[in-house]
Amino acid sequence: MKKLRFIIPFFAAILCFNAESSAQVLDPSEAPLDGVYSKSKNNANRKPIPYVKLRESDIMWLKRTWRIVDMEEKMNQVFYYPKKPTQGRRNFVKIIMDAIMEEGNIQPYAASVDGEVNDMFQVPMTPEEVAEVFVYKSTFQDIDEQGNTIDKEVENEIPLSEITKFKIKEEVFFDNERSVLEFRILGIAPIVPKIDAQGEVEGYQPEFWIYFPEARFVFAQNEVFNRQNDVHRITYDDLFWKRMFSSRIVKESNTYDRKLEDYLSPMDALLEAEEIEKTIFNFEHDLWSF
């Protein structure tokens, strides 16, 4: 009996020690190599390809467009996954939020000023103001000490996984000096769901913008999954530079500053978006037709 009393605490101590040991996370320098080769440590210092400086006299033709990128589309799923950081990769929205909230590498700008839509990067936002964008209040019924039914309000947070789309503001132009048609993104805005007090989604809208030329330095340092070859690593900046994404035009510069949905049915807006894409393509094509 005495032996049993001694053995039980002994094995209990071993189990506790094993539990604590299993919870330890080794430093990357001490952990076994996860792969067949060691990745370069200079990836965090990568810089984006610099833009060519432009002169107003060299711009022969220009059009401003706004696009929606649906990250749930097959071609765009590399923006949406992984939902949780893994193997040194983070999804697109996570990178933006970390750069705003923790690293301070990206300055957000308000998407509306005095109730009016504004995408001109005029009103800087603080990280606290951005955090409020992802908080909504809902009400539920509870019973107080007297047995009466009362309404209680509680704050909820919108998870980043609910952000499935983002908006792009860009300009496409023909550079007469280099004889090239080029796209340059000006800004990106995650589209956040608006949730009412009952927890129902009542719409989607951009809540803040980031200035893309500034954010390129962050995107160039973050890898994205390459479907064709794991060893050929590409970055989020590469995706935008090479136009490796699918999108839909929702607005082009116009006299009335209207979106396509403001004056067209959903089907007609889709057809008009395709027509705008065709106009851009034909402009470059017609320049070189003989």
C-alpha atoms as a PDB file:
ATOM      1  CA  MET A   1       0.000   0.000   0.000  1.00  0.00           C
ATOM      2  CA  LYS A   2       2.886   2.319   0.792  1.00  0.00           C
ATOM      3  CA  LYS A   3       4.457   1.516  -2.554  1.00  0.00           C
ATOM      4  CA  LEU A   4       1.172   2.377  -4.332  1.00  0.00           C
ATOM      5  CA  ARG A   5       1.003   5.730  -2.512  1.00  0.00           C
ATOM      6  CA  PHE A   6       4.498   6.499  -3.772  1.00  0.00           C
ATOM      7  CA  ILE A   7       3.951   5.347  -7.365  1.00  0.00           C
ATOM      8  CA  ILE A   8       0.760   7.347  -7.994  1.00  0.00           C
ATOM      9  CA  PRO A   9       2.278  10.794  -7.233  1.00  0.00           C
ATOM     10  CA  PHE A  10       5.387   9.783  -9.204  1.00  0.00           C
ATOM     11  CA  PHE A  11       3.429   9.015 -12.373  1.00  0.00           C
ATOM     12  CA  ALA A  12       1.242  12.095 -11.844  1.00  0.00           C
ATOM     13  CA  ALA A  13       4.383  14.240 -11.779  1.00  0.00           C
ATOM     14  CA  ILE A  14       5.608  12.622 -15.001  1.00  0.00           C
ATOM     15  CA  LEU A  15       2.269  13.296 -16.739  1.00  0.00           C
ATOM     16  CA  CYS A  16       2.314  16.948 -15.648  1.00  0.00           C
ATOM     17  CA  PHE A  17       5.885  17.301 -16.881  1.00  0.00           C
ATOM     18  CA  ASN A  18       4.950  15.797 -20.261  1.00  0.00           C
ATOM     19  CA  ALA A  19       1.951  18.123 -20.553  1.00  0.00           C
ATOM     20  CA  GLU A  20       4.131  21.142 -19.881  1.00  0.00           C
ATOM     21  CA  SER A  21       6.770  19.903 -22.326  1.00  0.00           C
ATOM     22  CA  SER A  22       4.214  19.402 -25.107  1.00  0.00           C
ATOM     23  CA  ALA A  23       3.064  23.008 -24.679  1.00  0.00           C
ATOM     24  CA  GLN A  24       6.526  24.424 -25.322  1.00  0.00           C
ATOM     25  CA  VAL A  25       7.084  25.996 -28.739  1.00  0.00           C
ATOM     26  CA  LEU A  26      10.624  25.797 -29.990  1.00  0.00           C
ATOM     27  CA  ASP A  27      12.373  28.793 -31.459  1.00  0.00           C
ATOM     28  CA  PRO A  28      12.603  28.512 -35.287  1.00  0.00           C
ATOM     29  CA  SER A  29      16.396  28.383 -34.993  1.00  0.00           C
ATOM     30  CA  GLU A  30      16.137  25.365 -32.657  1.00  0.00           C
ATOM     31  CA  ALA A  31      13.296  23.481 -34.323  1.00  0.00           C
ATOM     32  CA  PRO A  32      13.984  20.808 -36.982  1.00  0.00           C
ATOM     33  CA  LEU A  33      14.090  22.051 -40.568  1.00  0.00           C
ATOM     34  CA  ASP A  34      10.519  22.088 -41.936  1.00  0.00           C
ATOM     35  CA  GLY A  35      11.423  21.354 -45.556  1.00  0.00           C
ATOM     36  CA  VAL A  36      14.305  20.204 -47.725  1.00  0.00           C
ATOM     37  CA  TYR A  37      16.157  23.531 -47.796  1.00  0.00           C
ATOM     38  CA  SER A  38      16.599  26.652 -45.661  1.00  0.00           C
ATOM     39  CA  LYS A  39      14.677  29.667 -46.916  1.00  0.00           C
ATOM     40  CA  SER A  40      16.455  32.949 -47.409  1.00  0.00           C
ATOM     41  CA  LYS A  41      16.403  35.286 -44.417  1.00  0.00           C
ATOM     42  CA  ASN A  42      16.446  38.338 -46.682  1.00  0.00           C
ATOM     43  CA  ASN A  43      12.792  37.946 -47.704  1.00  0.00           C
ATOM     44  CA  ALA A  44      11.711  40.435 -45.031  1.00  0.00           C
ATOM     45  CA  ASN A  45      13.891  43.090 -46.696  1.00  0.00           C
ATOM     46  CA  ARG A  46      12.453  42.760 -50.181  1.00  0.00           C
ATOM     47  CA  LYS A  47      11.358  45.960 -51.859  1.00  0.00           C
ATOM     48  CA  PRO A  48       8.789  46.460 -54.618  1.00  0.00           C
ATOM     49  CA  ILE A  49       9.813  47.236 -58.174  1.00  0.00           C
ATOM     50  CA  PRO A  50       9.862  51.038 -58.352  1.00  0.00           C
ATOM     51  CA  TYR A  51       7.400  52.793 -60.630  1.00  0.00           C
ATOM     52  CA  VAL A  52       8.655  54.644 -63.672  1.00  0.00           C
ATOM     53  CA  LYS A  53       8.359  58.384 -63.133  1.00  0.00           C
ATOM     54  CA  LEU A  54       5.755  59.962 -65.371  1.00  0.00           C
ATOM     55  CA  ARG A  55       5.398  63.368 -66.937  1.00  0.00           C
ATOM     56  CA  GLU A  56       2.009  64.840 -67.723  1.00  0.00           C
ATOM     57  CA  SER A  57       3.063  65.426 -71.331  1.00  0.00           C
ATOM     58  CA  ASP A  58       3.768  61.701 -71.776  1.00  0.00           C
ATOM     59  CA  ILE A  59       0.245  60.576 -70.819  1.00  0.00           C
ATOM     60  CA  MET A  60      -1.657  60.301 -74.075  1.00  0.00           C
ATOM     61  CA  TRP A  61      -4.813  58.631 -72.709  1.00  0.00           C
ATOM     62  CA  LEU A  62      -6.091  57.892 -69.201  1.00  0.00           C
ATOM     63  CA  LYS A  63      -9.156  56.368 -67.556  1.00  0.00           C
ATOM     64  CA  ARG A  64      -9.908  55.903 -63.853  1.00  0.00           C
ATOM     65  CA  THR A  65     -11.804  52.800 -62.769  1.00  0.00           C
ATOM     66  CA  TRP A  66     -13.011  51.184 -59.557  1.00  0.00           C
ATOM     67  CA  ARG A  67     -13.077  47.395 -59.252  1.00  0.00           C
ATOM     68  CA  ILE A  68     -14.366  44.762 -56.834  1.00  0.00           C
ATOM     69  CA  VAL A  69     -12.223  41.707 -56.119  1.00  0.00           C
ATOM     70  CA  ASP A  70     -14.126  38.723 -54.720  1.00  0.00           C
ATOM     71  CA  MET A  71     -11.603  36.671 -52.744  1.00  0.00           C
ATOM     72  CA  GLU A  72     -13.894  33.620 -52.788  1.00  0.00           C
ATOM     73  CA  GLU A  73     -13.545  33.292 -56.569  1.00  0.00           C
ATOM     74  CA  LYS A  74     -11.202  30.473 -57.534  1.00  0.00           C
ATOM     75  CA  MET A  75      -8.562  32.725 -59.079  1.00  0.00           C
ATOM     76  CA  ASN A  76      -8.584  35.023 -56.030  1.00  0.00           C
ATOM     77  CA  GLN A  77      -8.569  32.426 -53.252  1.00  0.00           C
ATOM     78  CA  VAL A  78      -4.851  33.024 -52.628  1.00  0.00           C
ATOM     79  CA  PHE A  79      -5.945  36.365 -51.110  1.00  0.00           C
ATOM     80  CA  TYR A  80      -8.402  34.695 -48.718  1.00  0.00           C
ATOM     81  CA  TYR A  81      -6.343  31.731 -47.503  1.00  0.00           C
ATOM     82  CA  PRO A  82      -4.861  30.704 -45.142  1.00  0.00           C
ATOM     83  CA  LYS A  83      -7.495  31.844 -42.659  1.00  0.00           C
ATOM     84  CA  LYS A  84      -4.917  31.444 -39.902  1.00  0.00           C
ATOM     85  CA  PRO A  85      -1.194  32.218 -40.356  1.00  0.00           C
ATOM     86  CA  THR A  86       0.709  29.121 -41.416  1.00  0.00           C
ATOM     87  CA  GLN A  87       4.151  28.355 -42.867  1.00  0.00           C
ATOM     88  CA  GLY A  88       5.074  32.018 -42.753  1.00  0.00           C
ATOM     89  CA  ARG A  89       2.039  33.083 -44.816  1.00  0.00           C
ATOM     90  CA  ARG A  90      -0.901  35.315 -43.856  1.00  0.00           C
ATOM     91  CA  ASN A  91      -3.976  36.158 -45.858  1.00  0.00           C
ATOM     92  CA  PHE A  92      -4.397  39.554 -47.474  1.00  0.00           C
ATOM     93  CA  VAL A  93      -6.756  41.164 -44.943  1.00  0.00           C
ATOM     94  CA  LYS A  94      -4.682  39.875 -42.008  1.00  0.00           C
ATOM     95  CA  ILE A  95      -1.564  41.511 -43.474  1.00  0.00           C
ATOM     96  CA  ILE A  96      -3.368  44.844 -43.849  1.00  0.00           C
ATOM     97  CA  MET A  97      -4.790  44.758 -40.326  1.00  0.00           C
ATOM     98  CA  ASP A  98      -1.473  43.750 -38.741  1.00  0.00           C
ATOM     99  CA  ALA A  99       0.305  46.550 -40.606  1.00  0.00           C
ATOM    100  CA  ILE A 100      -2.273  49.070 -39.335  1.00  0.00           C
ATOM    101  CA  MET A 101      -2.896  47.850 -35.798  1.00  0.00           C
ATOM    102  CA  GLU A 102       0.473  46.446 -34.708  1.00  0.00           C
ATOM    103  CA  GLU A 103       3.299  47.368 -37.052  1.00  0.00           C
ATOM    104  CA  GLY A 104       2.200  50.892 -37.988  1.00  0.00           C
ATOM    105  CA  ASN A 105       3.470  50.464 -41.559  1.00  0.00           C
ATOM    106  CA  ILE A 106       0.236  51.441 -43.311  1.00  0.00           C
ATOM    107  CA  GLN A 107      -1.782  54.610 -42.782  1.00  0.00           C
ATOM    108  CA  PRO A 108      -5.553  54.097 -43.196  1.00  0.00           C
ATOM    109  CA  TYR A 109      -7.839  56.831 -44.534  1.00  0.00           C
ATOM    110  CA  ALA A 110     -11.558  57.363 -43.954  1.00  0.00           C
ATOM    111  CA  ALA A 111     -13.885  56.080 -46.674  1.00  0.00           C
ATOM    112  CA  SER A 112     -16.465  58.748 -45.876  1.00  0.00           C
ATOM    113  CA  VAL A 113     -16.336  62.351 -44.693  1.00  0.00           C
ATOM    114  CA  ASP A 114     -19.395  64.035 -43.169  1.00  0.00           C
ATOM    115  CA  GLY A 115     -21.551  61.192 -44.430  1.00  0.00           C
ATOM    116  CA  GLU A 116     -20.310  61.519 -48.011  1.00  0.00           C
ATOM    117  CA  VAL A 117     -18.252  58.871 -49.788  1.00  0.00           C
ATOM    118  CA  ASN A 118     -14.635  59.950 -50.013  1.00  0.00           C
ATOM    119  CA  ASP A 119     -11.794  57.899 -51.514  1.00  0.00           C
ATOM    120  CA  MET A 120      -9.220  60.664 -51.942  1.00  0.00           C
ATOM    121  CA  PHE A 121      -7.039  59.771 -48.919  1.00  0.00           C
ATOM    122  CA  GLN A 122      -7.799  63.080 -47.197  1.00  0.00           C
ATOM    123  CA  VAL A 123      -8.735  62.049 -43.645  1.00  0.00           C
ATOM    124  CA  PRO A 124      -6.235  59.824 -41.785  1.00  0.00           C
ATOM    125  CA  MET A 125      -7.641  57.328 -39.286  1.00  0.00           C
ATOM    126  CA  THR A 126      -6.092  56.034 -36.077  1.00  0.00           C
ATOM    127  CA  PRO A 127      -5.757  52.289 -35.332  1.00  0.00           C
ATOM    128  CA  GLU A 128      -8.461  52.723 -32.664  1.00  0.00           C
ATOM    129  CA  GLU A 129     -10.875  54.135 -35.250  1.00  0.00           C
ATOM    130  CA  VAL A 130     -10.142  51.227 -37.574  1.00  0.00           C
ATOM    131  CA  ALA A 131     -10.772  48.756 -34.738  1.00  0.00           C
ATOM    132  CA  GLU A 132     -14.212  50.309 -34.188  1.00  0.00           C
ATOM    133  CA  VAL A 133     -15.116  49.470 -37.787  1.00  0.00           C
ATOM    134  CA  PHE A 134     -15.138  45.771 -36.877  1.00  0.00           C
ATOM    135  CA  VAL A 135     -17.331  46.192 -33.795  1.00  0.00           C
ATOM    136  CA  TYR A 136     -21.132  46.155 -33.878  1.00  0.00           C
ATOM    137  CA  LYS A 137     -23.743  46.259 -31.122  1.00  0.00           C
ATOM    138  CA  SER A 138     -26.588  43.777 -30.826  1.00  0.00           C
ATOM    139  CA  THR A 139     -29.455  43.484 -28.368  1.00  0.00           C
ATOM    140  CA  PHE A 140     -30.944  40.453 -26.668  1.00  0.00           C
ATOM    141  CA  GLN A 141     -33.635  39.892 -24.087  1.00  0.00           C
ATOM    142  CA  ASP A 142     -32.721  39.008 -20.512  1.00  0.00           C
ATOM    143  CA  ILE A 143     -34.535  38.723 -17.179  1.00  0.00           C
ATOM    144  CA  ASP A 144     -33.603  40.987 -14.283  1.00  0.00           C
ATOM    145  CA  GLU A 145     -33.719  40.189 -10.548  1.00  0.00           C
ATOM    146  CA  GLN A 146     -37.403  41.094 -10.354  1.00  0.00           C
ATOM    147  CA  GLY A 147     -38.262  38.685 -13.180  1.00  0.00           C
ATOM    148  CA  ASN A 148     -38.895  41.441 -15.724  1.00  0.00           C
ATOM    149  CA  THR A 149     -37.848  41.059 -19.341  1.00  0.00           C
ATOM    150  CA  ILE A 150     -35.267  43.664 -20.323  1.00  0.00           C
ATOM    151  CA  ASP A 151     -33.196  44.412 -23.414  1.00  0.00           C
ATOM    152  CA  LYS A 152     -29.441  44.182 -23.037  1.00  0.00           C
ATOM    153  CA  GLU A 153     -26.853  45.505 -25.437  1.00  0.00           C
ATOM    154  CA  VAL A 154     -23.607  43.686 -26.119  1.00  0.00           C
ATOM    155  CA  GLU A 155     -20.639  44.461 -28.362  1.00  0.00           C
ATOM    156  CA  ASN A 156     -19.553  41.897 -30.939  1.00  0.00           C
ATOM    157  CA  GLU A 157     -16.542  41.779 -33.206  1.00  0.00           C
ATOM    158  CA  ILE A 158     -16.683  40.989 -36.909  1.00  0.00           C
ATOM    159  CA  PRO A 159     -14.076  38.272 -37.632  1.00  0.00           C
ATOM    160  CA  LEU A 160     -11.637  38.954 -40.456  1.00  0.00           C
ATOM    161  CA  SER A 161     -12.881  35.797 -42.194  1.00  0.00           C
ATOM    162  CA  GLU A 162     -16.110  37.706 -42.927  1.00  0.00           C
ATOM    163  CA  ILE A 163     -14.163  40.100 -45.181  1.00  0.00           C
ATOM    164  CA  THR A 164     -14.414  38.368 -48.550  1.00  0.00           C
ATOM    165  CA  LYS A 165     -14.136  41.326 -50.937  1.00  0.00           C
ATOM    166  CA  PHE A 166     -12.071  44.453 -51.394  1.00  0.00           C
ATOM    167  CA  LYS A 167     -12.305  47.458 -53.663  1.00  0.00           C
ATOM    168  CA  ILE A 168      -9.578  48.764 -55.945  1.00  0.00           C
ATOM    169  CA  LYS A 169      -9.228  52.309 -57.192  1.00  0.00           C
ATOM    170  CA  GLU A 170      -6.839  52.555 -60.123  1.00  0.00           C
ATOM    171  CA  GLU A 171      -5.899  54.399 -63.282  1.00  0.00           C
ATOM    172  CA  VAL A 172      -5.064  52.881 -66.645  1.00  0.00           C
ATOM    173  CA  PHE A 173      -3.100  55.062 -69.038  1.00  0.00           C
ATOM    174  CA  PHE A 174      -1.041  54.998 -72.191  1.00  0.00           C
ATOM    175  CA  ASP A 175       2.506  56.267 -71.773  1.00  0.00           C
ATOM    176  CA  ASN A 176       3.512  57.818 -75.077  1.00  0.00           C
ATOM    177  CA  GLU A 177       7.183  57.962 -74.071  1.00  0.00           C
ATOM    178  CA  ARG A 178       7.448  54.187 -73.500  1.00  0.00           C
ATOM    179  CA  SER A 179       4.557  53.208 -75.798  1.00  0.00           C
ATOM    180  CA  VAL A 180       2.901  51.030 -73.159  1.00  0.00           C
ATOM    181  CA  LEU A 181      -0.552  50.729 -71.628  1.00  0.00           C
ATOM    182  CA  GLU A 182      -0.151  50.488 -67.865  1.00  0.00           C
ATOM    183  CA  PHE A 183      -2.364  49.944 -64.833  1.00  0.00           C
ATOM    184  CA  ARG A 184      -1.512  51.621 -61.539  1.00  0.00           C
ATOM    185  CA  ILE A 185      -3.496  50.961 -58.392  1.00  0.00           C
ATOM    186  CA  LEU A 186      -4.072  54.011 -56.203  1.00  0.00           C
ATOM    187  CA  GLY A 187      -5.941  52.548 -53.265  1.00  0.00           C
ATOM    188  CA  ILE A 188      -7.461  49.418 -51.738  1.00  0.00           C
ATOM    189  CA  ALA A 189     -10.456  49.263 -49.395  1.00  0.00           C
ATOM    190  CA  PRO A 190     -11.624  46.096 -47.584  1.00  0.00           C
ATOM    191  CA  ILE A 191     -15.409  45.770 -47.846  1.00  0.00           C
ATOM    192  CA  VAL A 192     -16.872  45.273 -44.371  1.00  0.00           C
ATOM    193  CA  PRO A 193     -20.393  43.926 -43.688  1.00  0.00           C
ATOM    194  CA  LYS A 194     -22.816  46.255 -41.889  1.00  0.00           C
ATOM    195  CA  ILE A 195     -24.663  44.344 -39.168  1.00  0.00           C
ATOM    196  CA  ASP A 196     -27.810  45.592 -37.449  1.00  0.00           C
ATOM    197  CA  ALA A 197     -28.900  45.174 -33.804  1.00  0.00           C
ATOM    198  CA  GLN A 198     -30.471  41.792 -34.590  1.00  0.00           C
ATOM    199  CA  GLY A 199     -27.178  40.457 -35.978  1.00  0.00           C
ATOM    200  CA  GLU A 200     -28.398  40.501 -39.582  1.00  0.00           C
ATOM    201  CA  VAL A 201     -26.206  41.739 -42.436  1.00  0.00           C
ATOM    202  CA  GLU A 202     -27.870  44.757 -44.007  1.00  0.00           C
ATOM    203  CA  GLY A 203     -25.203  45.661 -46.531  1.00  0.00           C
ATOM    204  CA  TYR A 204     -21.523  45.915 -47.398  1.00  0.00           C
ATOM    205  CA  GLN A 205     -19.343  48.974 -47.799  1.00  0.00           C
ATOM    206  CA  PRO A 206     -15.698  50.115 -47.664  1.00  0.00           C
ATOM    207  CA  GLU A 207     -14.899  51.550 -44.239  1.00  0.00           C
ATOM    208  CA  PHE A 208     -11.341  52.722 -44.853  1.00  0.00           C
ATOM    209  CA  TRP A 209      -8.811  53.045 -47.666  1.00  0.00           C
ATOM    210  CA  ILE A 210      -5.105  52.362 -47.777  1.00  0.00           C
ATOM    211  CA  TYR A 211      -2.789  54.135 -50.195  1.00  0.00           C
ATOM    212  CA  PHE A 212      -1.425  51.396 -52.423  1.00  0.00           C
ATOM    213  CA  PRO A 213       1.996  52.886 -53.354  1.00  0.00           C
ATOM    214  CA  GLU A 214       2.732  53.087 -49.624  1.00  0.00           C
ATOM    215  CA  ALA A 215       1.370  49.602 -48.862  1.00  0.00           C
ATOM    216  CA  ARG A 216       3.468  48.005 -51.627  1.00  0.00           C
ATOM    217  CA  PHE A 217       6.454  47.873 -49.282  1.00  0.00           C
ATOM    218  CA  VAL A 218       4.404  45.714 -46.887  1.00  0.00           C
ATOM    219  CA  PHE A 219       2.956  43.503 -49.639  1.00  0.00           C
ATOM    220  CA  ALA A 220       6.415  42.914 -51.144  1.00  0.00           C
ATOM    221  CA  GLN A 221       7.567  41.338 -47.877  1.00  0.00           C
ATOM    222  CA  ASN A 222       4.713  38.849 -47.576  1.00  0.00           C
ATOM    223  CA  GLU A 223       4.571  35.658 -49.577  1.00  0.00           C
ATOM    224  CA  VAL A 224       1.496  34.219 -51.216  1.00  0.00           C
ATOM    225  CA  PHE A 225       0.832  30.597 -52.149  1.00  0.00           C
ATOM    226  CA  ASN A 226       2.009  29.647 -55.635  1.00  0.00           C
ATOM    227  CA  ARG A 227      -0.266  26.977 -57.113  1.00  0.00           C
ATOM    228  CA  GLN A 228       2.264  25.886 -59.733  1.00  0.00           C
ATOM    229  CA  ASN A 229       5.522  25.680 -57.793  1.00  0.00           C
ATOM    230  CA  ASP A 230       6.190  25.888 -54.043  1.00  0.00           C
ATOM    231  CA  VAL A 231       9.820  26.851 -54.527  1.00  0.00           C
ATOM    232  CA  HIS A 232       8.993  29.777 -56.826  1.00  0.00           C
ATOM    233  CA  ARG A 233       7.819  32.182 -54.178  1.00  0.00           C
ATOM    234  CA  ILE A 234       5.770  35.232 -55.121  1.00  0.00           C
ATOM    235  CA  THR A 235       4.470  38.115 -53.037  1.00  0.00           C
ATOM    236  CA  TYR A 236       1.208  40.001 -52.856  1.00  0.00           C
ATOM    237  CA  ASP A 237       2.905  42.865 -54.661  1.00  0.00           C
ATOM    238  CA  ASP A 238       3.762  40.453 -57.486  1.00  0.00           C
ATOM    239  CA  LEU A 239       0.091  39.489 -57.771  1.00  0.00           C
ATOM    240  CA  PHE A 240      -0.941  43.084 -58.357  1.00  0.00           C
ATOM    241  CA  TRP A 241       2.051  43.928 -60.548  1.00  0.00           C
ATOM    242  CA  LYS A 242       1.338  40.973 -62.861  1.00  0.00           C
ATOM    243  CA  ARG A 243      -2.465  41.408 -62.649  1.00  0.00           C
ATOM    244  CA  MET A 244      -2.874  37.844 -61.386  1.00  0.00           C
ATOM    245  CA  PHE A 245      -6.395  38.356 -60.067  1.00  0.00           C
ATOM    246  CA  SER A 246      -9.966  38.471 -61.269  1.00  0.00           C
ATOM    247  CA  SER A 247     -12.097  41.589 -60.778  1.00  0.00           C
ATOM    248  CA  ARG A 248     -15.221  43.374 -61.939  1.00  0.00           C
ATOM    249  CA  ILE A 249     -15.444  47.059 -62.815  1.00  0.00           C
ATOM    250  CA  VAL A 250     -18.152  48.810 -60.789  1.00  0.00           C
ATOM    251  CA  LYS A 251     -17.424  52.383 -61.801  1.00  0.00           C
ATOM    252  CA  GLU A 252     -15.488  54.424 -64.336  1.00  0.00           C
ATOM    253  CA  SER A 253     -14.776  58.142 -64.351  1.00  0.00           C
ATOM    254  CA  ASN A 254     -17.860  59.896 -65.722  1.00  0.00           C
ATOM    255  CA  THR A 255     -19.638  63.228 -65.851  1.00  0.00           C
ATOM    256  CA  TYR A 256     -22.107  62.418 -63.077  1.00  0.00           C
ATOM    257  CA  ASP A 257     -19.672  60.523 -60.837  1.00  0.00           C
ATOM    258  CA  ARG A 258     -22.091  57.584 -60.754  1.00  0.00           C
ATOM    259  CA  LYS A 259     -21.470  53.900 -60.163  1.00  0.00           C
ATOM    260  CA  LEU A 260     -22.795  51.444 -62.727  1.00  0.00           C
ATOM    261  CA  GLU A 261     -25.376  50.132 -60.257  1.00  0.00           C
ATOM    262  CA  ASP A 262     -26.784  53.654 -59.820  1.00  0.00           C
ATOM    263  CA  TYR A 263     -28.339  53.660 -63.272  1.00  0.00           C
ATOM    264  CA  LEU A 264     -28.202  50.058 -64.513  1.00  0.00           C
ATOM    265  CA  SER A 265     -29.780  46.790 -63.466  1.00  0.00           C
ATOM    266  CA  PRO A 266     -27.403  44.113 -62.095  1.00  0.00           C
ATOM    267  CA  MET A 267     -27.268  42.295 -65.429  1.00  0.00           C
ATOM    268  CA  ASP A 268     -26.820  45.484 -67.451  1.00  0.00           C
ATOM    269  CA  ALA A 269     -24.108  46.643 -65.023  1.00  0.00           C
ATOM    270  CA  LEU A 270     -22.248  43.389 -65.597  1.00  0.00           C
ATOM    271  CA  LEU A 271     -22.507  43.781 -69.365  1.00  0.00           C
ATOM    272  CA  GLU A 272     -21.381  47.410 -69.149  1.00  0.00           C
ATOM    273  CA  ALA A 273     -18.375  46.368 -67.049  1.00  0.00           C
ATOM    274  CA  GLU A 274     -17.371  43.907 -69.748  1.00  0.00           C
ATOM    275  CA  GLU A 275     -17.809  46.627 -72.360  1.00  0.00           C
ATOM    276  CA  ILE A 276     -15.470  48.947 -70.437  1.00  0.00           C
ATOM    277  CA  GLU A 277     -12.883  46.158 -70.220  1.00  0.00           C
ATOM    278  CA  LYS A 278     -13.213  45.641 -73.961  1.00  0.00           C
ATOM    279  CA  THR A 279     -12.778  49.376 -74.617  1.00  0.00           C
ATOM    280  CA  ILE A 280      -9.520  49.394 -72.654  1.00  0.00           C
ATOM    281  CA  PHE A 281      -8.230  46.335 -74.469  1.00  0.00           C
ATOM    282  CA  ASN A 282      -9.242  47.641 -77.902  1.00  0.00           C
ATOM    283  CA  PHE A 283      -7.558  51.003 -77.259  1.00  0.00           C
ATOM    284  CA  GLU A 284      -4.139  49.370 -76.995  1.00  0.00           C
ATOM    285  CA  HIS A 285      -4.904  46.904 -79.776  1.00  0.00           C
ATOM    286  CA  ASP A 286      -5.986  49.617 -82.209  1.00  0.00           C
ATOM    287  CA  LEU A 287      -2.777  51.574 -81.634  1.00  0.00           C
ATOM    288  CA  TRP A 288      -0.719  48.750 -83.105  1.00  0.00           C
ATOM    289  CA  SER A 289      -3.045  47.466 -85.834  1.00  0.00           C
ATOM    290  CA  PHE A 290      -1.854  47.948 -89.418  1.00  0.00           C
END
